[in-house]
Amino acid sequence: MTSTRTRPAAAQTQPTTENIEVSAGTAAATTVHATTQPETTTGAGAGQPRTGGHELVQVDPATLAVDVNIRHDARLDDDFCASIADHGVLVPIVAVRTADGALRVRFGHRRTLAAVAAGRPTVPVVVAADEAAGPGGSNAAEVERLVTQWAENEHRAGLTTAERADVIGQLSAFGIAPTQIARRTRATRAEVTAALAVTSSQLARAATARYEFLDLAQAAVVADFDADPDAVTALVVAARDGRFDHVAQRLRDERTDRAARTVVADRLRADGVTVIDAPASQDRARELHRLADAEGTRFTETSHAGCPGHAAYVGQEHGWVLVDADGQPTPDSDDGQDDDGEDADEDDAERPGPGERDWRSWPAARWVCTDPAAHCHRDLWASGTSNDRTPAADMTDTQRDAARAARRDVIDSNKAWGSAETVRRDWLRGLATRKTAPKGTAMFVAAALAHDADLLADIGGNHLAADLLGVEAGAYGRSRGLVDLIERAGDARALLLTLVLVLAAYEARTSRDDWRTLRPATGRYLTHLQASGYALADVELRACGQPVPDRTGSGGGEEV
């Protein structure tokens, strides 16, 4: 075939981009005997074959034999074939010449097959030797082939997260738009966006360079928290331990909560209200809902405003909330409950379906008097109580510490459950996009029908399934969109839709109280998610009755 001109051998440079080959395959190929010539050079020695026992030739890839390889499957993915179509074969294929003069690929089967699929007219090939060359004849050559193909496929290292982010950052610095970066590198747009976020954060760049287990999406989250070194450390440890999504969501929720609390506190101060920290049980401050004047009239925010002890702290309220067109909750004042960490009894009310109302918590002002006794207020709760709780004044220091720890556990675990619910439902949405159901689906669905068939009757689960699958839930009754989706599905897809319906029914019935009042249905549900690849948060492990790993000393103090 016709030779092509190249630069002199001494002037040739290593390409800056490679077709990264993660596998090669065995495929039957018709060997076409082609007459090939060594690639020639210009300048000194022009027209002479290369020395050193190697020839560099341009060959039609369809003429190369790819029938001898240690890999069983080429596994040609679309991105790799598209890269070959766009850029050609950047790293020459290595071949040996057979006894009958044909070329058989030794290294680069995957590049060869991709070039054929892409319709490349020629590919660069280094002819290393004759196939049967070497002492011992063909057996020795075959042993050499097996060993070298093993080494060539085993000892490969792809780009690290830090290297990928750096390449994308440099392309952006050259003025290449993110969409063009994605097209030319075959990275997804999400990966490009994440990489650009990483390159904008010195802390995230340092973390990706030091911790190679961070992927681009995780590194972008690290960049989002680069002003909070403690959060970054928690994220790195969570990535190592497989809890990244849960820790990241909890950090987002805490940041959102802090911002919302700051807004409430600033508004109170702007109105001239003294803002204090949430009072502990042994403090003098008491909330107004338990206080009255000397005549026994209960105080309100307005009636108490003239008291020198009038103040407020930012607490939490819980209740069913309406969601506006932008997905933002609007508290229903009739349903809100003044719960600053203790459980509100959400199970006493009928639970509306998703998209109508949702059980939420939000920061709100809690009105107090900082010293009721000094201002002659009556504490309506100061007399005997109907429960068996020991008054704080009668507790020992150990009992007070235990009570504080228990209350803190309730507050933290309730918040952790809310964060885990967000991660869990995002994972369910990802599951719903699959074409086929995961292994074990039929057994789980059968067990669900045997144990918990009543769950499927809940309208909330039906509407949640519609939300997970991206179809209309409808204002009343069951989702017609689900019915239409199932009618158009084949058997494999229908089994997945059945699984989503069952999982949504379980999910809709979960409660933030499940972590301390174990329910078998929730345990079965979460255990199945875990078996399907979902990483349970610590609070979800508690809901399953599983032991929670000791996180102390797990690297929380490690510098990043």
Protein backbone atom coordinates (compact mmCIF):
# COMPACT_ATOMS: atom_id res chain seq x y z
CA MET A 1 0.00 0.00 0.00
CA THR A 2 1.05 3.62 -0.41
CA SER A 3 3.52 4.94 2.15
CA THR A 4 3.00 8.30 3.86
CA ARG A 5 5.50 10.95 4.78
CA THR A 6 6.28 11.75 8.39
CA ARG A 7 8.84 13.81 10.28
CA PRO A 8 12.29 12.33 10.89
CA ALA A 9 12.29 9.77 13.65
CA ALA A 10 14.24 12.06 16.00
CA ALA A 11 11.61 14.79 15.65
CA GLN A 12 8.55 12.70 16.36
CA THR A 13 6.83 13.39 19.68
CA GLN A 14 4.59 11.40 21.96
CA PRO A 15 0.91 12.36 21.41
CA THR A 16 -0.57 14.35 24.31
CA THR A 17 -3.84 12.39 24.13
CA GLU A 18 -4.26 8.63 23.97
CA ASN A 19 -7.11 6.33 23.18
CA ILE A 20 -7.17 4.73 26.61
CA GLU A 21 -7.75 1.05 26.12
CA VAL A 22 -9.29 -0.81 29.05
CA SER A 23 -9.94 -4.07 27.26
CA ALA A 24 -9.28 -5.89 24.00
CA GLY A 25 -11.22 -8.61 22.35
CA THR A 26 -11.14 -11.71 20.27
CA ALA A 27 -13.06 -11.56 17.02
CA ALA A 28 -12.99 -13.60 13.86
CA ALA A 29 -11.46 -11.61 11.01
CA THR A 30 -10.79 -12.40 7.39
CA THR A 31 -7.09 -11.92 6.78
CA VAL A 32 -6.41 -10.13 3.53
CA HIS A 33 -2.87 -10.51 2.32
CA ALA A 34 -1.70 -6.99 1.64
CA THR A 35 1.65 -5.83 0.43
CA THR A 36 2.89 -3.28 2.94
CA GLN A 37 5.91 -1.04 2.88
CA PRO A 38 7.78 0.45 5.78
CA GLU A 39 6.92 4.09 6.45
CA THR A 40 9.56 6.34 4.93
CA THR A 41 11.18 9.44 6.32
CA THR A 42 12.23 12.77 4.97
CA GLY A 43 15.66 14.32 5.24
CA ALA A 44 18.65 12.13 5.97
CA GLY A 45 17.95 8.53 5.16
CA ALA A 46 14.81 9.35 3.19
CA GLY A 47 13.36 6.37 1.38
CA GLN A 48 15.09 3.91 3.68
CA PRO A 49 13.21 1.50 5.99
CA ARG A 50 13.34 2.21 9.73
CA THR A 51 16.05 0.33 11.58
CA GLY A 52 15.92 -1.60 14.81
CA GLY A 53 13.77 -4.49 13.51
CA HIS A 54 10.50 -2.51 13.51
CA GLU A 55 8.41 -1.15 10.65
CA LEU A 56 5.80 1.63 10.98
CA VAL A 57 3.13 1.25 8.30
CA GLN A 58 -0.33 2.60 7.55
CA VAL A 59 -2.71 -0.33 7.07
CA ASP A 60 -6.41 -0.76 6.36
CA PRO A 61 -7.65 -2.04 9.77
CA ALA A 62 -9.96 -4.52 8.06
CA THR A 63 -6.92 -6.39 6.78
CA LEU A 64 -5.51 -7.03 10.26
CA ALA A 65 -6.07 -10.39 11.94
CA VAL A 66 -7.46 -9.98 15.48
CA ASP A 67 -8.13 -13.64 16.21
CA VAL A 68 -5.50 -14.27 18.90
CA ASN A 69 -6.03 -12.44 22.17
CA ILE A 70 -6.25 -13.31 25.87
CA ARG A 71 -9.46 -11.28 26.33
CA HIS A 72 -12.76 -12.97 25.54
CA ASP A 73 -14.81 -9.87 24.71
CA ALA A 74 -13.83 -6.62 23.03
CA ARG A 75 -16.44 -4.62 24.99
CA LEU A 76 -16.45 -1.75 22.50
CA ASP A 77 -18.28 1.11 24.21
CA ASP A 78 -19.82 4.01 22.31
CA ASP A 79 -17.45 6.63 23.74
CA PHE A 80 -14.35 4.69 22.69
CA CYS A 81 -15.65 4.15 19.14
CA ALA A 82 -16.60 7.82 18.90
CA SER A 83 -13.11 8.83 20.03
CA ILE A 84 -11.56 6.66 17.32
CA ALA A 85 -13.97 8.15 14.75
CA ASP A 86 -13.05 11.70 15.79
CA HIS A 87 -9.32 11.42 16.38
CA GLY A 88 -8.23 8.22 14.70
CA VAL A 89 -5.89 5.73 16.35
CA LEU A 90 -3.41 7.87 18.23
CA VAL A 91 -1.26 5.08 19.68
CA PRO A 92 0.03 2.71 16.97
CA ILE A 93 -1.19 -0.86 16.96
CA VAL A 94 1.53 -3.46 17.43
CA ALA A 95 1.43 -6.46 15.08
CA VAL A 96 3.56 -9.41 14.03
CA ARG A 97 3.95 -10.79 10.53
CA THR A 98 2.65 -14.31 10.04
CA ALA A 99 4.37 -16.97 7.96
CA ASP A 100 2.14 -16.18 4.99
CA GLY A 101 2.87 -12.43 5.13
CA ALA A 102 -0.32 -11.23 6.84
CA LEU A 103 -0.31 -8.98 9.92
CA ARG A 104 -1.73 -10.30 13.20
CA VAL A 105 -2.44 -7.84 16.01
CA ARG A 106 -0.43 -8.42 19.15
CA PHE A 107 -1.42 -5.27 21.10
CA GLY A 108 -4.37 -3.06 20.17
CA HIS A 109 -7.24 -5.41 19.30
CA ARG A 110 -9.79 -2.98 20.68
CA ARG A 111 -8.38 -0.05 18.71
CA THR A 112 -8.39 -2.18 15.56
CA LEU A 113 -12.04 -3.24 15.92
CA ALA A 114 -13.13 0.30 16.79
CA ALA A 115 -11.32 1.65 13.71
CA VAL A 116 -13.13 -0.89 11.52
CA ALA A 117 -16.46 0.05 13.11
CA ALA A 118 -15.71 3.77 12.63
CA GLY A 119 -14.75 3.27 8.98
CA ARG A 120 -11.19 4.58 9.36
CA PRO A 121 -9.36 3.95 6.09
CA THR A 122 -5.96 3.31 7.68
CA VAL A 123 -4.39 2.94 11.09
CA PRO A 124 -0.73 3.17 12.18
CA VAL A 125 0.81 -0.24 12.82
CA VAL A 126 4.22 -1.11 14.21
CA VAL A 127 5.36 -4.45 12.80
CA ALA A 128 7.47 -5.73 15.66
CA ALA A 129 8.70 -9.10 14.39
CA ASP A 130 7.82 -12.28 12.60
CA GLU A 131 5.24 -14.32 14.51
CA ALA A 132 7.36 -17.46 14.86
CA ALA A 133 10.64 -15.69 15.52
CA GLY A 134 12.81 -16.56 18.51
CA PRO A 135 14.37 -19.68 20.01
CA GLY A 136 12.06 -22.60 20.53
CA GLY A 137 9.88 -21.91 17.50
CA SER A 138 6.15 -21.31 17.63
CA ASN A 139 5.70 -22.57 21.21
CA ALA A 140 8.13 -20.00 22.56
CA ALA A 141 6.42 -17.30 20.48
CA GLU A 142 3.02 -18.29 21.87
CA VAL A 143 4.33 -18.19 25.43
CA GLU A 144 5.78 -14.75 24.75
CA ARG A 145 2.45 -13.58 23.31
CA LEU A 146 0.50 -14.69 26.38
CA VAL A 147 2.93 -13.14 28.84
CA THR A 148 3.23 -9.81 27.02
CA GLN A 149 -0.51 -9.49 26.43
CA TRP A 150 -1.06 -10.16 30.12
CA ALA A 151 1.44 -7.43 31.03
CA GLU A 152 0.01 -4.97 28.51
CA ASN A 153 -3.56 -5.37 29.80
CA GLU A 154 -2.83 -5.74 33.52
CA HIS A 155 -0.43 -2.88 34.11
CA ARG A 156 -2.54 0.06 33.03
CA ALA A 157 -3.54 3.15 34.97
CA GLY A 158 -6.29 5.49 33.85
CA LEU A 159 -6.31 9.17 34.58
CA THR A 160 -6.88 10.03 38.22
CA THR A 161 -9.68 12.36 39.27
CA ALA A 162 -7.14 15.13 39.82
CA GLU A 163 -5.68 14.62 36.34
CA ARG A 164 -9.11 14.59 34.68
CA ALA A 165 -10.12 17.78 36.46
CA ASP A 166 -6.82 19.41 35.49
CA VAL A 167 -7.25 18.58 31.81
CA ILE A 168 -10.79 19.96 31.73
CA GLY A 169 -9.68 23.04 33.66
CA GLN A 170 -6.89 23.70 31.16
CA LEU A 171 -9.28 23.30 28.22
CA SER A 172 -11.61 25.81 29.86
CA ALA A 173 -8.67 28.20 30.36
CA PHE A 174 -8.05 28.03 26.61
CA GLY A 175 -11.58 29.33 26.08
CA ILE A 176 -13.22 26.02 25.17
CA ALA A 177 -16.90 26.06 26.18
CA PRO A 178 -18.14 23.32 28.54
CA THR A 179 -20.34 21.79 25.83
CA GLN A 180 -17.36 21.58 23.48
CA ILE A 181 -15.17 20.12 26.25
CA ALA A 182 -17.79 17.44 26.81
CA ARG A 183 -18.01 16.66 23.09
CA ARG A 184 -14.29 16.56 22.47
CA THR A 185 -13.30 14.59 25.58
CA ARG A 186 -16.39 12.35 25.57
CA ALA A 187 -16.97 13.31 29.20
CA THR A 188 -20.54 13.91 30.29
CA ARG A 189 -21.70 17.48 30.83
CA ALA A 190 -22.12 16.68 34.53
CA GLU A 191 -18.48 15.53 34.69
CA VAL A 192 -17.30 18.71 32.99
CA THR A 193 -19.34 20.87 35.36
CA ALA A 194 -17.96 18.96 38.34
CA ALA A 195 -14.38 19.23 37.09
CA LEU A 196 -14.69 22.99 36.63
CA ALA A 197 -16.02 23.29 40.17
CA VAL A 198 -13.03 21.32 41.43
CA THR A 199 -10.50 23.47 39.57
CA SER A 200 -12.01 26.60 41.13
CA SER A 201 -11.32 25.32 44.66
CA GLN A 202 -7.77 25.01 45.96
CA LEU A 203 -8.95 22.73 48.77
CA ALA A 204 -10.84 20.44 46.40
CA ARG A 205 -7.82 20.20 44.09
CA ALA A 206 -5.62 19.27 47.04
CA ALA A 207 -8.14 16.66 48.22
CA THR A 208 -8.38 14.98 44.79
CA ALA A 209 -4.60 14.92 44.46
CA ARG A 210 -4.21 13.30 47.87
CA TYR A 211 -7.23 10.98 47.93
CA GLU A 212 -7.58 9.08 44.67
CA PHE A 213 -10.79 7.39 45.83
CA LEU A 214 -12.68 10.68 45.32
CA ASP A 215 -14.54 10.77 42.02
CA LEU A 216 -15.37 13.99 40.16
CA ALA A 217 -18.91 14.28 41.55
CA GLN A 218 -17.62 13.85 45.10
CA ALA A 219 -14.78 16.29 44.53
CA ALA A 220 -17.28 18.87 43.30
CA VAL A 221 -19.19 18.52 46.57
CA VAL A 222 -15.92 19.02 48.44
CA ALA A 223 -15.46 22.23 46.45
CA ASP A 224 -18.93 23.34 47.49
CA PHE A 225 -17.86 23.10 51.15
CA ASP A 226 -14.32 24.43 50.79
CA ALA A 227 -15.02 27.22 53.32
CA ASP A 228 -15.68 24.58 56.00
CA PRO A 229 -12.59 22.41 56.62
CA ASP A 230 -14.47 20.21 59.11
CA ALA A 231 -17.11 19.47 56.49
CA VAL A 232 -14.41 18.64 53.94
CA THR A 233 -12.78 16.21 56.37
CA ALA A 234 -16.15 14.56 57.04
CA LEU A 235 -16.77 14.22 53.30
CA VAL A 236 -13.37 12.65 52.61
CA VAL A 237 -13.84 10.13 55.42
CA ALA A 238 -17.37 9.36 54.19
CA ALA A 239 -16.11 8.80 50.63
CA ARG A 240 -13.58 6.32 51.95
CA ASP A 241 -16.22 4.53 54.06
CA GLY A 242 -18.98 4.45 51.40
CA ARG A 243 -21.30 6.94 53.16
CA PHE A 244 -20.62 9.98 50.99
CA ASP A 245 -24.14 10.70 49.73
CA HIS A 246 -25.61 10.57 53.24
CA VAL A 247 -22.97 12.79 54.82
CA ALA A 248 -23.13 15.26 51.94
CA GLN A 249 -26.91 15.54 52.20
CA ARG A 250 -26.75 15.98 55.96
CA LEU A 251 -24.20 18.78 55.53
CA ARG A 252 -26.41 20.45 52.91
CA ASP A 253 -29.43 20.22 55.18
CA GLU A 254 -27.50 21.62 58.12
CA ARG A 255 -26.23 24.51 56.00
CA THR A 256 -29.73 25.26 54.78
CA ASP A 257 -31.07 25.06 58.33
CA ARG A 258 -28.37 27.41 59.62
CA ALA A 259 -29.15 29.94 56.90
CA ALA A 260 -32.89 29.75 57.63
CA ARG A 261 -32.27 30.15 61.37
CA THR A 262 -30.07 33.15 60.71
CA VAL A 263 -32.87 34.77 58.71
CA VAL A 264 -35.36 34.25 61.57
CA ALA A 265 -32.89 35.53 64.19
CA ASP A 266 -32.00 38.60 62.12
CA ARG A 267 -35.68 39.41 61.64
CA LEU A 268 -36.28 39.18 65.38
CA ARG A 269 -33.34 41.47 66.15
CA ALA A 270 -34.51 43.95 63.54
CA ASP A 271 -37.84 44.07 65.41
CA GLY A 272 -36.01 44.85 68.65
CA VAL A 273 -36.45 41.40 70.19
CA THR A 274 -33.72 39.93 72.39
CA VAL A 275 -32.56 36.62 70.86
CA ILE A 276 -31.17 33.97 73.20
CA ASP A 277 -29.91 30.41 72.77
CA ALA A 278 -32.43 27.62 73.25
CA PRO A 279 -32.85 27.32 77.04
CA ALA A 280 -31.90 24.10 78.78
CA SER A 281 -34.24 22.53 81.32
CA GLN A 282 -32.22 23.88 84.26
CA ASP A 283 -32.23 27.45 82.94
CA ARG A 284 -34.58 30.10 84.33
CA ALA A 285 -36.10 30.95 80.96
CA ARG A 286 -39.48 29.41 80.19
CA GLU A 287 -41.60 29.41 77.06
CA LEU A 288 -44.67 31.64 77.07
CA HIS A 289 -47.15 28.86 76.34
CA ARG A 290 -46.63 27.60 79.88
CA LEU A 291 -46.71 31.00 81.62
CA ALA A 292 -49.57 33.18 82.91
CA ASP A 293 -49.93 36.44 84.79
CA ALA A 294 -50.94 36.72 88.46
CA GLU A 295 -54.62 36.34 87.53
CA GLY A 296 -53.96 33.15 85.57
CA THR A 297 -54.31 34.63 82.07
CA ARG A 298 -51.96 32.93 79.65
CA PHE A 299 -49.42 35.11 77.93
CA THR A 300 -49.23 35.65 74.21
CA GLU A 301 -46.41 37.18 72.22
CA THR A 302 -48.28 40.49 72.18
CA SER A 303 -49.43 40.56 75.80
CA HIS A 304 -45.94 39.70 77.07
CA ALA A 305 -44.06 42.19 74.83
CA GLY A 306 -43.83 44.80 77.62
CA CYS A 307 -42.12 42.44 80.09
CA PRO A 308 -38.39 43.13 80.66
CA GLY A 309 -37.78 39.42 80.26
CA HIS A 310 -39.43 39.25 76.83
CA ALA A 311 -37.16 37.33 74.43
CA ALA A 312 -37.14 34.60 71.82
CA TYR A 313 -34.95 31.82 70.51
CA VAL A 314 -35.01 30.09 67.12
CA GLY A 315 -36.57 26.66 67.45
CA GLN A 316 -38.23 24.18 65.12
CA GLU A 317 -41.84 23.66 64.19
CA HIS A 318 -43.17 20.60 62.41
CA GLY A 319 -46.30 19.91 60.44
CA TRP A 320 -47.93 19.15 57.14
CA VAL A 321 -46.97 21.84 54.66
CA LEU A 322 -48.32 22.83 51.27
CA VAL A 323 -45.84 22.99 48.39
CA ASP A 324 -46.05 25.89 45.96
CA ALA A 325 -45.40 25.83 42.22
CA ASP A 326 -41.65 26.20 42.82
CA GLY A 327 -41.55 23.24 45.19
CA GLN A 328 -41.11 25.48 48.24
CA PRO A 329 -43.04 24.55 51.39
CA THR A 330 -45.61 26.99 52.74
CA PRO A 331 -46.39 26.09 56.40
CA ASP A 332 -50.00 25.34 57.21
CA SER A 333 -50.44 27.22 60.49
CA ASP A 334 -53.22 24.91 61.58
CA ASP A 335 -50.98 21.85 61.33
CA GLY A 336 -47.71 23.20 62.71
CA GLN A 337 -46.47 21.90 66.03
CA ASP A 338 -43.95 23.52 68.34
CA ASP A 339 -41.51 20.67 68.38
CA ASP A 340 -37.89 21.61 69.01
CA GLY A 341 -36.59 18.09 68.72
CA GLU A 342 -39.25 16.02 70.46
CA ASP A 343 -41.39 13.93 68.16
CA ALA A 344 -44.67 15.32 66.88
CA ASP A 345 -47.24 12.59 66.41
CA GLU A 346 -47.47 12.68 62.65
CA ASP A 347 -49.00 9.22 62.47
CA ASP A 348 -52.23 10.37 64.17
CA ALA A 349 -53.23 12.32 61.06
CA GLU A 350 -54.05 10.88 57.68
CA ARG A 351 -50.93 11.25 55.56
CA PRO A 352 -51.61 13.12 52.31
CA GLY A 353 -50.08 11.96 49.08
CA PRO A 354 -46.81 13.40 47.73
CA GLY A 355 -47.25 16.55 45.68
CA GLU A 356 -50.16 17.71 47.84
CA ARG A 357 -48.67 18.21 51.28
CA ASP A 358 -45.60 16.89 52.98
CA TRP A 359 -44.42 16.56 56.57
CA ARG A 360 -41.69 19.14 57.09
CA SER A 361 -39.90 21.11 59.78
CA TRP A 362 -38.89 24.75 59.63
CA PRO A 363 -37.20 27.28 61.94
CA ALA A 364 -39.53 29.57 63.88
CA ALA A 365 -39.41 32.00 66.80
CA ARG A 366 -40.12 30.47 70.20
CA TRP A 367 -41.19 33.16 72.67
CA VAL A 368 -39.88 33.05 76.25
CA CYS A 369 -39.54 35.01 79.44
CA THR A 370 -35.95 34.96 80.63
CA ASP A 371 -36.89 35.08 84.35
CA PRO A 372 -40.57 34.31 85.06
CA ALA A 373 -40.16 34.29 88.85
CA ALA A 374 -38.52 37.72 88.92
CA HIS A 375 -41.36 39.15 86.85
CA CYS A 376 -44.14 37.52 88.93
CA HIS A 377 -45.29 35.06 86.26
CA ARG A 378 -46.96 31.81 87.11
CA ASP A 379 -45.58 28.62 85.60
CA LEU A 380 -48.66 26.55 84.80
CA TRP A 381 -46.51 23.46 84.46
CA ALA A 382 -44.69 23.88 87.75
CA SER A 383 -47.15 21.77 89.73
CA GLY A 384 -47.33 17.99 89.58
CA THR A 385 -47.17 16.38 86.18
CA SER A 386 -48.98 13.42 84.78
CA ASN A 387 -45.85 11.67 83.60
CA ASP A 388 -43.10 9.88 85.45
CA ARG A 389 -40.29 12.24 84.44
CA THR A 390 -38.00 13.38 87.20
CA PRO A 391 -37.88 17.21 87.43
CA ALA A 392 -34.52 18.58 86.32
CA ALA A 393 -33.95 20.13 89.74
CA ASP A 394 -34.18 16.69 91.34
CA MET A 395 -31.76 15.01 88.94
CA THR A 396 -28.17 14.13 89.67
CA ASP A 397 -25.46 15.42 87.35
CA THR A 398 -25.22 11.97 85.76
CA GLN A 399 -28.97 11.88 85.14
CA ARG A 400 -28.93 15.36 83.62
CA ASP A 401 -26.08 14.38 81.31
CA ALA A 402 -27.93 11.25 80.27
CA ALA A 403 -31.14 13.23 79.65
CA ARG A 404 -29.26 15.77 77.53
CA ALA A 405 -27.58 13.00 75.53
CA ALA A 406 -30.91 11.26 74.93
CA ARG A 407 -32.55 14.48 73.78
CA ARG A 408 -29.60 15.29 71.53
CA ASP A 409 -29.85 11.82 70.04
CA VAL A 410 -33.53 12.40 69.26
CA ILE A 411 -32.84 15.75 67.61
CA ASP A 412 -29.82 14.53 65.63
CA SER A 413 -31.41 11.25 64.57
CA ASN A 414 -34.62 12.94 63.43
CA LYS A 415 -32.56 15.31 61.28
CA ALA A 416 -30.45 12.41 60.01
CA TRP A 417 -33.61 10.56 59.00
CA GLY A 418 -34.76 13.56 56.97
CA SER A 419 -31.42 13.74 55.16
CA ALA A 420 -31.43 9.99 54.54
CA GLU A 421 -34.93 10.21 53.07
CA THR A 422 -33.69 12.70 50.47
CA VAL A 423 -30.78 10.42 49.48
CA ARG A 424 -32.99 7.33 49.53
CA ARG A 425 -35.60 8.82 47.22
CA ASP A 426 -32.95 10.08 44.82
CA TRP A 427 -31.59 6.52 44.72
CA LEU A 428 -35.09 5.19 44.03
CA ARG A 429 -35.45 7.63 41.12
CA GLY A 430 -32.23 6.26 39.68
CA LEU A 431 -33.52 2.72 40.08
CA ALA A 432 -36.73 3.67 38.28
CA THR A 433 -34.76 4.66 35.15
CA ARG A 434 -33.38 1.16 34.66
CA LYS A 435 -34.68 -0.99 31.85
CA THR A 436 -34.73 -4.21 33.86
CA ALA A 437 -35.22 -5.07 37.51
CA PRO A 438 -32.21 -6.05 39.64
CA LYS A 439 -31.57 -9.60 40.76
CA GLY A 440 -33.82 -10.73 43.61
CA THR A 441 -36.81 -8.61 42.56
CA ALA A 442 -39.31 -11.46 42.13
CA MET A 443 -38.49 -12.91 45.55
CA PHE A 444 -38.79 -9.51 47.24
CA VAL A 445 -42.12 -8.68 45.56
CA ALA A 446 -43.52 -12.09 46.53
CA ALA A 447 -42.42 -11.62 50.15
CA ALA A 448 -43.89 -8.10 50.17
CA LEU A 449 -47.26 -9.41 49.02
CA ALA A 450 -47.15 -12.12 51.67
CA HIS A 451 -46.14 -9.80 54.53
CA ASP A 452 -47.35 -6.32 53.67
CA ALA A 453 -49.97 -6.45 50.90
CA ASP A 454 -52.00 -3.75 52.68
CA LEU A 455 -49.29 -1.21 51.83
CA LEU A 456 -50.22 -1.31 48.14
CA ALA A 457 -53.69 0.04 48.95
CA ASP A 458 -52.27 3.38 50.16
CA ILE A 459 -52.83 6.22 47.73
CA GLY A 460 -49.67 7.87 49.02
CA GLY A 461 -47.51 5.03 47.74
CA ASN A 462 -49.21 5.18 44.35
CA HIS A 463 -48.57 8.91 44.03
CA LEU A 464 -44.99 8.53 45.20
CA ALA A 465 -44.40 5.84 42.56
CA ALA A 466 -45.68 8.26 39.93
CA ASP A 467 -43.26 10.89 41.20
CA LEU A 468 -40.33 8.45 41.14
CA LEU A 469 -41.18 7.44 37.56
CA GLY A 470 -41.72 11.03 36.37
CA VAL A 471 -45.41 10.78 35.48
CA GLU A 472 -48.42 12.76 36.70
CA ALA A 473 -49.82 11.60 40.02
CA GLY A 474 -53.18 13.28 39.53
CA ALA A 475 -55.13 15.32 42.06
CA TYR A 476 -57.49 12.53 43.11
CA GLY A 477 -57.42 8.77 42.97
CA ARG A 478 -54.70 6.62 41.52
CA SER A 479 -52.27 7.83 38.90
CA ARG A 480 -53.48 7.36 35.35
CA GLY A 481 -49.92 8.05 34.20
CA LEU A 482 -48.77 4.86 35.94
CA VAL A 483 -51.45 2.84 34.17
CA ASP A 484 -50.39 4.20 30.78
CA LEU A 485 -46.74 3.51 31.55
CA ILE A 486 -47.41 -0.12 32.45
CA GLU A 487 -49.62 -0.71 29.39
CA ARG A 488 -46.73 0.32 27.12
CA ALA A 489 -44.09 -1.76 28.93
CA GLY A 490 -42.66 -5.12 27.94
CA ASP A 491 -42.31 -7.93 30.46
CA ALA A 492 -38.87 -6.93 31.71
CA ARG A 493 -39.80 -3.28 32.16
CA ALA A 494 -43.14 -4.24 33.72
CA LEU A 495 -41.32 -6.21 36.43
CA LEU A 496 -39.23 -3.13 37.21
CA LEU A 497 -42.38 -0.97 37.37
CA THR A 498 -43.92 -3.49 39.76
CA LEU A 499 -40.85 -3.23 41.95
CA VAL A 500 -41.06 0.59 41.95
CA LEU A 501 -44.73 0.42 42.96
CA VAL A 502 -43.92 -1.88 45.87
CA LEU A 503 -40.89 0.11 46.99
CA ALA A 504 -42.85 3.37 46.80
CA ALA A 505 -45.56 1.84 48.98
CA TYR A 506 -42.97 0.95 51.62
CA GLU A 507 -41.27 4.34 51.30
CA ALA A 508 -44.50 6.28 51.72
CA ARG A 509 -45.22 4.40 54.95
CA THR A 510 -41.81 5.10 56.53
CA SER A 511 -41.70 7.45 59.49
CA ARG A 512 -38.93 9.38 61.16
CA ASP A 513 -39.80 7.41 64.29
CA ASP A 514 -38.71 4.16 62.60
CA TRP A 515 -35.13 4.49 63.86
CA ARG A 516 -36.18 4.02 67.50
CA THR A 517 -39.48 2.14 67.22
CA LEU A 518 -38.53 -0.69 64.89
CA ARG A 519 -41.16 -1.84 62.41
CA PRO A 520 -40.64 -5.12 60.56
CA ALA A 521 -41.97 -3.66 57.30
CA THR A 522 -39.42 -0.84 57.32
CA GLY A 523 -36.68 -3.31 58.19
CA ARG A 524 -37.58 -5.58 55.27
CA TYR A 525 -37.72 -2.59 52.92
CA LEU A 526 -34.39 -1.05 53.90
CA THR A 527 -32.65 -4.42 53.99
CA HIS A 528 -33.75 -5.06 50.40
CA LEU A 529 -32.46 -1.64 49.31
CA GLN A 530 -29.15 -2.46 50.96
CA ALA A 531 -28.96 -5.79 49.11
CA SER A 532 -29.66 -3.92 45.86
CA GLY A 533 -26.67 -1.63 46.28
CA TYR A 534 -28.03 1.23 48.36
CA ALA A 535 -25.70 2.29 51.19
CA LEU A 536 -27.70 2.65 54.40
CA ALA A 537 -27.12 5.68 56.60
CA ASP A 538 -26.38 5.02 60.26
CA VAL A 539 -29.92 6.03 61.23
CA GLU A 540 -31.29 3.56 58.67
CA LEU A 541 -29.10 0.81 60.09
CA ARG A 542 -30.78 1.49 63.44
CA ALA A 543 -34.20 1.22 61.78
CA CYS A 544 -33.18 -2.24 60.54
CA GLY A 545 -31.93 -3.30 63.95
CA GLN A 546 -28.40 -3.56 62.57
CA PRO A 547 -25.36 -2.45 64.59
CA VAL A 548 -23.97 0.97 63.75
CA PRO A 549 -20.19 1.05 63.18
CA ASP A 550 -18.18 3.06 65.65
CA ARG A 551 -17.22 6.22 63.75
CA THR A 552 -14.90 7.53 66.46
CA GLY A 553 -11.26 7.39 65.46
CA SER A 554 -12.16 6.71 61.82
CA GLY A 555 -10.13 9.56 60.46
CA GLY A 556 -12.25 12.50 61.57
CA GLY A 557 -9.18 14.37 62.73
CA GLU A 558 -7.21 13.76 59.54
CA GLU A 559 -5.95 16.87 57.85
CA VAL A 560 -7.05 17.50 54.29
